[in-house]
């Protein structure tokens, strides 16, 4: 069963979640760029195969490192007990009780604290002020 948070518990986690999201947002475009390069090079690899092979191996290793770090950060979010709903927008939901039912407390990177909630099946567009 998923963890349920109070507003105070969820707000207390925001400093670490900010760090995680910012690092993930920094690393994801770098990984995407490396993957694009690797895909492009594999299609056009010709000529000096030895040099290209070494360069590609280094880029592959760099990409693997980024994937590993992103997975570690995502695992930390999961261990905390909240749910990442969108890396690009920096969306995090926390299960909470409101008026006797389970809802999400909804936070977006850039917001100083949690000020919104929504039903489990509504998502960001259905956010309402607390």
N, C-alpha and C. Protein backbone atom coordinates (compact mmCIF):
# COMPACT_ATOMS: atom_id res chain seq x y z
N UNK A 1 0.85 -1.19 0.00
CA UNK A 1 0.00 0.00 0.00
C UNK A 1 0.89 1.25 0.00
N UNK A 2 0.47 2.24 -0.76
CA UNK A 2 1.25 3.47 -0.89
C UNK A 2 1.22 4.28 0.41
N UNK A 3 2.28 4.97 0.65
CA UNK A 3 2.39 5.82 1.84
C UNK A 3 1.42 6.99 1.74
N UNK A 4 0.86 7.38 2.87
CA UNK A 4 -0.01 8.55 2.94
C UNK A 4 0.71 9.63 3.73
N UNK A 5 0.70 10.85 3.23
CA UNK A 5 1.41 11.96 3.82
C UNK A 5 0.45 12.98 4.41
N UNK A 6 0.91 13.66 5.47
CA UNK A 6 0.23 14.89 5.90
C UNK A 6 0.84 16.01 5.07
N UNK A 7 0.19 17.15 5.04
CA UNK A 7 0.73 18.30 4.33
C UNK A 7 2.10 18.68 4.90
N UNK A 8 2.23 18.64 6.20
CA UNK A 8 3.50 19.00 6.84
C UNK A 8 4.61 18.02 6.45
N UNK A 9 4.31 16.73 6.44
CA UNK A 9 5.31 15.73 6.05
C UNK A 9 5.75 15.94 4.60
N UNK A 10 4.79 16.18 3.73
CA UNK A 10 5.11 16.37 2.31
C UNK A 10 5.94 17.64 2.11
N UNK A 11 5.55 18.74 2.74
CA UNK A 11 6.31 19.98 2.60
C UNK A 11 7.73 19.83 3.13
N UNK A 12 7.93 19.03 4.16
CA UNK A 12 9.26 18.82 4.73
C UNK A 12 10.20 18.12 3.74
N UNK A 13 9.64 17.39 2.79
CA UNK A 13 10.44 16.66 1.81
C UNK A 13 10.83 17.51 0.60
N UNK A 14 10.22 18.67 0.44
CA UNK A 14 10.44 19.47 -0.77
C UNK A 14 11.89 19.88 -1.01
N UNK A 15 12.67 20.25 0.01
CA UNK A 15 14.07 20.62 -0.30
C UNK A 15 14.83 19.49 -1.00
N UNK A 16 14.71 18.25 -0.52
CA UNK A 16 15.41 17.13 -1.16
C UNK A 16 14.83 16.84 -2.53
N UNK A 17 13.50 16.91 -2.65
CA UNK A 17 12.88 16.64 -3.95
C UNK A 17 13.29 17.70 -4.98
N UNK A 18 13.46 18.94 -4.56
CA UNK A 18 13.95 19.99 -5.48
C UNK A 18 15.32 19.59 -6.02
N UNK A 19 16.22 19.17 -5.10
CA UNK A 19 17.57 18.76 -5.52
C UNK A 19 17.51 17.62 -6.52
N UNK A 20 16.69 16.63 -6.22
CA UNK A 20 16.57 15.47 -7.11
C UNK A 20 16.07 15.89 -8.48
N UNK A 21 14.99 16.65 -8.52
CA UNK A 21 14.40 17.05 -9.80
C UNK A 21 15.36 17.90 -10.61
N UNK A 22 16.03 18.84 -9.97
CA UNK A 22 16.97 19.69 -10.70
C UNK A 22 18.11 18.87 -11.29
N UNK A 23 18.62 17.92 -10.53
CA UNK A 23 19.69 17.07 -11.06
C UNK A 23 19.17 16.22 -12.22
N UNK A 24 17.97 15.67 -12.07
CA UNK A 24 17.41 14.85 -13.14
C UNK A 24 17.16 15.68 -14.40
N UNK A 25 16.65 16.91 -14.22
CA UNK A 25 16.39 17.78 -15.37
C UNK A 25 17.69 18.19 -16.06
N UNK A 26 18.78 18.24 -15.32
CA UNK A 26 20.08 18.56 -15.90
C UNK A 26 20.63 17.36 -16.69
N UNK A 27 20.47 16.18 -16.15
CA UNK A 27 21.07 14.98 -16.75
C UNK A 27 20.27 14.42 -17.92
N UNK A 28 18.95 14.55 -17.90
CA UNK A 28 18.11 13.95 -18.94
C UNK A 28 18.44 14.50 -20.34
N UNK A 29 18.54 15.82 -20.54
CA UNK A 29 18.89 16.31 -21.88
C UNK A 29 20.29 15.85 -22.33
N UNK A 30 21.23 15.75 -21.39
CA UNK A 30 22.57 15.26 -21.73
C UNK A 30 22.49 13.82 -22.22
N UNK A 31 21.68 13.02 -21.54
CA UNK A 31 21.49 11.63 -21.96
C UNK A 31 20.81 11.56 -23.33
N UNK A 32 19.78 12.35 -23.53
CA UNK A 32 19.09 12.37 -24.82
C UNK A 32 20.04 12.74 -25.94
N UNK A 33 20.90 13.72 -25.69
CA UNK A 33 21.86 14.15 -26.70
C UNK A 33 22.86 13.04 -27.02
N UNK A 34 23.37 12.37 -25.99
CA UNK A 34 24.29 11.26 -26.22
C UNK A 34 23.63 10.14 -27.00
N UNK A 35 22.39 9.83 -26.64
CA UNK A 35 21.68 8.77 -27.37
C UNK A 35 21.49 9.13 -28.84
N UNK A 36 21.20 10.40 -29.11
CA UNK A 36 21.06 10.86 -30.49
C UNK A 36 22.38 10.69 -31.24
N UNK A 37 23.46 11.13 -30.60
CA UNK A 37 24.79 10.99 -31.22
C UNK A 37 25.11 9.54 -31.50
N UNK A 38 24.86 8.67 -30.51
CA UNK A 38 25.16 7.25 -30.68
C UNK A 38 24.34 6.66 -31.82
N UNK A 39 23.08 7.02 -31.91
CA UNK A 39 22.22 6.51 -32.99
C UNK A 39 22.73 7.03 -34.34
N UNK A 40 23.12 8.28 -34.39
CA UNK A 40 23.62 8.87 -35.64
C UNK A 40 24.92 8.25 -36.08
N UNK A 41 25.82 8.03 -35.13
CA UNK A 41 27.12 7.44 -35.46
C UNK A 41 26.98 5.99 -35.90
N UNK A 42 26.07 5.26 -35.33
CA UNK A 42 25.94 3.86 -35.71
C UNK A 42 25.44 3.74 -37.15
N UNK A 43 24.72 4.76 -37.62
CA UNK A 43 24.22 4.73 -39.00
C UNK A 43 25.27 5.20 -40.00
N UNK A 44 26.19 6.06 -39.54
CA UNK A 44 27.15 6.64 -40.48
C UNK A 44 28.58 6.17 -40.24
N UNK A 45 28.77 5.18 -39.38
CA UNK A 45 30.12 4.70 -39.05
C UNK A 45 30.80 4.14 -40.29
N UNK A 46 31.87 4.81 -40.69
CA UNK A 46 32.70 4.34 -41.81
C UNK A 46 34.04 5.05 -41.69
N UNK A 47 34.96 4.72 -42.56
CA UNK A 47 36.27 5.37 -42.49
C UNK A 47 37.10 4.78 -41.38
N UNK A 48 37.61 5.61 -40.50
CA UNK A 48 38.49 5.16 -39.43
C UNK A 48 37.66 4.53 -38.31
N UNK A 49 37.31 3.29 -38.45
CA UNK A 49 36.47 2.57 -37.50
C UNK A 49 37.05 2.48 -36.11
N UNK A 50 38.38 2.42 -36.01
CA UNK A 50 39.02 2.30 -34.70
C UNK A 50 38.77 3.56 -33.87
N UNK A 51 38.98 4.74 -34.47
CA UNK A 51 38.77 6.00 -33.77
C UNK A 51 37.30 6.17 -33.42
N UNK A 52 36.43 5.90 -34.36
CA UNK A 52 34.99 6.01 -34.13
C UNK A 52 34.57 5.03 -33.04
N UNK A 53 35.10 3.83 -33.06
CA UNK A 53 34.75 2.82 -32.07
C UNK A 53 35.13 3.25 -30.66
N UNK A 54 36.32 3.82 -30.50
CA UNK A 54 36.76 4.30 -29.18
C UNK A 54 35.87 5.45 -28.70
N UNK A 55 35.58 6.37 -29.61
CA UNK A 55 34.74 7.52 -29.27
C UNK A 55 33.33 7.05 -28.88
N UNK A 56 32.81 6.11 -29.63
CA UNK A 56 31.47 5.60 -29.34
C UNK A 56 31.44 4.83 -28.01
N UNK A 57 32.50 4.09 -27.74
CA UNK A 57 32.57 3.35 -26.47
C UNK A 57 32.58 4.33 -25.30
N UNK A 58 33.31 5.43 -25.44
CA UNK A 58 33.35 6.44 -24.39
C UNK A 58 31.98 7.09 -24.20
N UNK A 59 31.32 7.38 -25.30
CA UNK A 59 29.98 7.99 -25.22
C UNK A 59 28.97 7.01 -24.64
N UNK A 60 29.10 5.74 -25.01
CA UNK A 60 28.21 4.71 -24.45
C UNK A 60 28.40 4.61 -22.94
N UNK A 61 29.66 4.65 -22.50
CA UNK A 61 29.96 4.57 -21.07
C UNK A 61 29.39 5.80 -20.35
N UNK A 62 29.53 6.96 -20.96
CA UNK A 62 28.98 8.18 -20.37
C UNK A 62 27.45 8.09 -20.28
N UNK A 63 26.82 7.60 -21.34
CA UNK A 63 25.35 7.44 -21.34
C UNK A 63 24.92 6.45 -20.26
N UNK A 64 25.66 5.34 -20.14
CA UNK A 64 25.34 4.35 -19.12
C UNK A 64 25.41 4.95 -17.71
N UNK A 65 26.41 5.79 -17.49
CA UNK A 65 26.56 6.46 -16.20
C UNK A 65 25.38 7.38 -15.91
N UNK A 66 24.93 8.11 -16.93
CA UNK A 66 23.78 9.00 -16.76
C UNK A 66 22.52 8.20 -16.47
N UNK A 67 22.32 7.11 -17.18
CA UNK A 67 21.16 6.24 -16.94
C UNK A 67 21.18 5.72 -15.51
N UNK A 68 22.34 5.27 -15.07
CA UNK A 68 22.47 4.74 -13.72
C UNK A 68 22.11 5.81 -12.68
N UNK A 69 22.62 7.03 -12.87
CA UNK A 69 22.34 8.10 -11.90
C UNK A 69 20.86 8.48 -11.93
N UNK A 70 20.28 8.59 -13.11
CA UNK A 70 18.85 8.91 -13.20
C UNK A 70 18.00 7.84 -12.51
N UNK A 71 18.37 6.59 -12.69
CA UNK A 71 17.64 5.50 -12.02
C UNK A 71 17.79 5.57 -10.50
N UNK A 72 18.99 5.93 -10.02
CA UNK A 72 19.20 6.09 -8.57
C UNK A 72 18.30 7.20 -8.02
N UNK A 73 18.23 8.31 -8.73
CA UNK A 73 17.42 9.44 -8.28
C UNK A 73 15.93 9.09 -8.28
N UNK A 74 15.49 8.41 -9.34
CA UNK A 74 14.09 8.00 -9.40
C UNK A 74 13.77 7.01 -8.29
N UNK A 75 14.71 6.11 -7.99
CA UNK A 75 14.52 5.15 -6.90
C UNK A 75 14.39 5.88 -5.57
N UNK A 76 15.14 6.97 -5.40
CA UNK A 76 15.04 7.73 -4.15
C UNK A 76 13.66 8.36 -4.02
N UNK A 77 13.12 8.89 -5.12
CA UNK A 77 11.76 9.45 -5.09
C UNK A 77 10.77 8.35 -4.69
N UNK A 78 10.92 7.19 -5.28
CA UNK A 78 10.03 6.07 -4.99
C UNK A 78 10.16 5.64 -3.52
N UNK A 79 11.39 5.59 -3.01
CA UNK A 79 11.61 5.22 -1.61
C UNK A 79 10.97 6.22 -0.65
N UNK A 80 11.00 7.49 -1.02
CA UNK A 80 10.37 8.52 -0.19
C UNK A 80 8.88 8.23 -0.08
N UNK A 81 8.29 7.71 -1.15
CA UNK A 81 6.88 7.34 -1.12
C UNK A 81 5.97 8.24 -1.93
N UNK A 82 6.55 9.23 -2.59
CA UNK A 82 5.74 10.09 -3.45
C UNK A 82 5.85 9.60 -4.90
N UNK A 83 5.13 10.25 -5.79
CA UNK A 83 5.09 9.80 -7.19
C UNK A 83 5.49 10.93 -8.12
N UNK A 84 6.50 10.68 -8.97
CA UNK A 84 6.87 11.66 -9.97
C UNK A 84 5.89 11.54 -11.13
N UNK A 85 5.26 12.65 -11.47
CA UNK A 85 4.25 12.64 -12.54
C UNK A 85 4.74 13.31 -13.81
N UNK A 86 5.86 14.01 -13.73
CA UNK A 86 6.40 14.63 -14.94
C UNK A 86 7.73 15.28 -14.65
N UNK A 87 8.79 14.75 -15.24
CA UNK A 87 10.12 15.29 -15.01
C UNK A 87 10.28 16.68 -15.61
N UNK A 88 9.82 16.86 -16.84
CA UNK A 88 10.00 18.14 -17.51
C UNK A 88 9.37 19.28 -16.72
N UNK A 89 8.16 19.06 -16.21
CA UNK A 89 7.47 20.09 -15.44
C UNK A 89 7.83 20.04 -13.96
N UNK A 90 8.49 18.97 -13.54
CA UNK A 90 8.85 18.81 -12.14
C UNK A 90 7.64 18.55 -11.26
N UNK A 91 6.77 17.65 -11.68
CA UNK A 91 5.53 17.37 -10.95
C UNK A 91 5.69 16.18 -10.01
N UNK A 92 5.28 16.39 -8.77
CA UNK A 92 5.32 15.35 -7.75
C UNK A 92 3.96 15.31 -7.05
N UNK A 93 3.42 14.11 -6.87
CA UNK A 93 2.18 13.91 -6.12
C UNK A 93 2.45 13.11 -4.86
N UNK A 94 1.74 13.47 -3.80
CA UNK A 94 1.82 12.78 -2.51
C UNK A 94 0.42 12.32 -2.15
N UNK A 95 0.24 11.02 -1.89
CA UNK A 95 -1.07 10.54 -1.42
C UNK A 95 -1.34 11.14 -0.05
N UNK A 96 -2.61 11.56 0.15
CA UNK A 96 -3.01 12.16 1.41
C UNK A 96 -4.49 11.89 1.64
N UNK A 97 -4.93 12.11 2.85
CA UNK A 97 -6.35 11.99 3.19
C UNK A 97 -6.96 13.38 3.20
N UNK A 98 -8.11 13.50 2.57
CA UNK A 98 -8.84 14.78 2.55
C UNK A 98 -10.32 14.45 2.62
N UNK A 99 -10.98 14.95 3.62
CA UNK A 99 -12.42 14.72 3.79
C UNK A 99 -12.77 13.23 3.73
N UNK A 100 -11.92 12.40 4.36
CA UNK A 100 -12.20 10.98 4.45
C UNK A 100 -11.90 10.15 3.22
N UNK A 101 -11.23 10.73 2.23
CA UNK A 101 -10.87 9.95 1.04
C UNK A 101 -9.42 10.22 0.65
N UNK A 102 -8.87 9.34 -0.14
CA UNK A 102 -7.48 9.48 -0.57
C UNK A 102 -7.43 10.37 -1.81
N UNK A 103 -6.56 11.37 -1.75
CA UNK A 103 -6.35 12.30 -2.87
C UNK A 103 -4.84 12.48 -3.02
N UNK A 104 -4.44 13.30 -3.99
CA UNK A 104 -3.04 13.67 -4.13
C UNK A 104 -2.84 15.12 -3.72
N UNK A 105 -1.81 15.36 -2.90
CA UNK A 105 -1.28 16.69 -2.73
C UNK A 105 -0.36 16.89 -3.93
N UNK A 106 -0.47 18.00 -4.60
CA UNK A 106 0.21 18.19 -5.89
C UNK A 106 1.19 19.35 -5.79
N UNK A 107 2.43 19.09 -6.16
CA UNK A 107 3.48 20.11 -6.11
C UNK A 107 4.25 20.13 -7.42
N UNK A 108 4.62 21.34 -7.82
CA UNK A 108 5.42 21.51 -9.04
C UNK A 108 6.68 22.27 -8.70
N UNK A 109 7.80 21.83 -9.25
CA UNK A 109 9.08 22.50 -9.06
C UNK A 109 8.90 23.99 -9.34
N UNK A 110 9.40 24.81 -8.44
CA UNK A 110 9.24 26.25 -8.58
C UNK A 110 8.25 26.80 -7.57
N UNK A 111 7.37 25.93 -7.06
CA UNK A 111 6.43 26.35 -6.03
C UNK A 111 7.14 26.23 -4.68
N UNK A 112 6.96 27.22 -3.81
CA UNK A 112 7.68 27.22 -2.52
C UNK A 112 7.16 26.15 -1.57
N UNK A 113 5.88 25.81 -1.69
CA UNK A 113 5.30 24.76 -0.86
C UNK A 113 4.09 24.18 -1.58
N UNK A 114 3.54 23.14 -1.00
CA UNK A 114 2.38 22.49 -1.61
C UNK A 114 1.15 23.35 -1.34
N UNK A 115 0.48 23.74 -2.39
CA UNK A 115 -0.70 24.59 -2.25
C UNK A 115 -1.90 24.04 -2.98
N UNK A 116 -1.77 22.84 -3.57
CA UNK A 116 -2.84 22.28 -4.39
C UNK A 116 -3.05 20.81 -4.10
N UNK A 117 -4.20 20.33 -4.49
CA UNK A 117 -4.52 18.91 -4.39
C UNK A 117 -5.38 18.56 -5.61
N UNK A 118 -5.52 17.26 -5.88
CA UNK A 118 -6.45 16.80 -6.91
C UNK A 118 -6.85 15.36 -6.63
N UNK A 119 -7.95 14.96 -7.22
CA UNK A 119 -8.43 13.58 -7.09
C UNK A 119 -7.40 12.65 -7.72
N UNK A 120 -7.40 11.40 -7.31
CA UNK A 120 -6.43 10.43 -7.82
C UNK A 120 -6.50 10.28 -9.33
N UNK A 121 -7.67 10.44 -9.91
CA UNK A 121 -7.83 10.22 -11.36
C UNK A 121 -7.89 11.52 -12.17
N UNK A 122 -7.54 12.66 -11.58
CA UNK A 122 -7.66 13.92 -12.31
C UNK A 122 -6.36 14.47 -12.86
N UNK A 123 -5.29 14.39 -12.15
CA UNK A 123 -4.02 14.91 -12.64
C UNK A 123 -3.90 16.41 -12.49
N UNK A 124 -2.80 16.94 -13.05
CA UNK A 124 -2.42 18.33 -12.89
C UNK A 124 -3.52 19.30 -13.31
N UNK A 125 -4.20 19.00 -14.38
CA UNK A 125 -5.26 19.89 -14.89
C UNK A 125 -6.41 20.04 -13.90
N UNK A 126 -6.58 19.04 -13.01
CA UNK A 126 -7.66 19.09 -12.04
C UNK A 126 -7.24 19.64 -10.69
N UNK A 127 -6.09 20.30 -10.62
CA UNK A 127 -5.61 20.84 -9.34
C UNK A 127 -6.58 21.87 -8.78
N UNK A 128 -6.73 21.79 -7.47
CA UNK A 128 -7.55 22.78 -6.76
C UNK A 128 -6.73 23.30 -5.58
N UNK A 129 -6.92 24.58 -5.22
CA UNK A 129 -6.19 25.12 -4.07
C UNK A 129 -6.57 24.38 -2.78
N UNK A 130 -5.62 24.25 -1.88
CA UNK A 130 -5.91 23.62 -0.57
C UNK A 130 -6.81 24.51 0.25
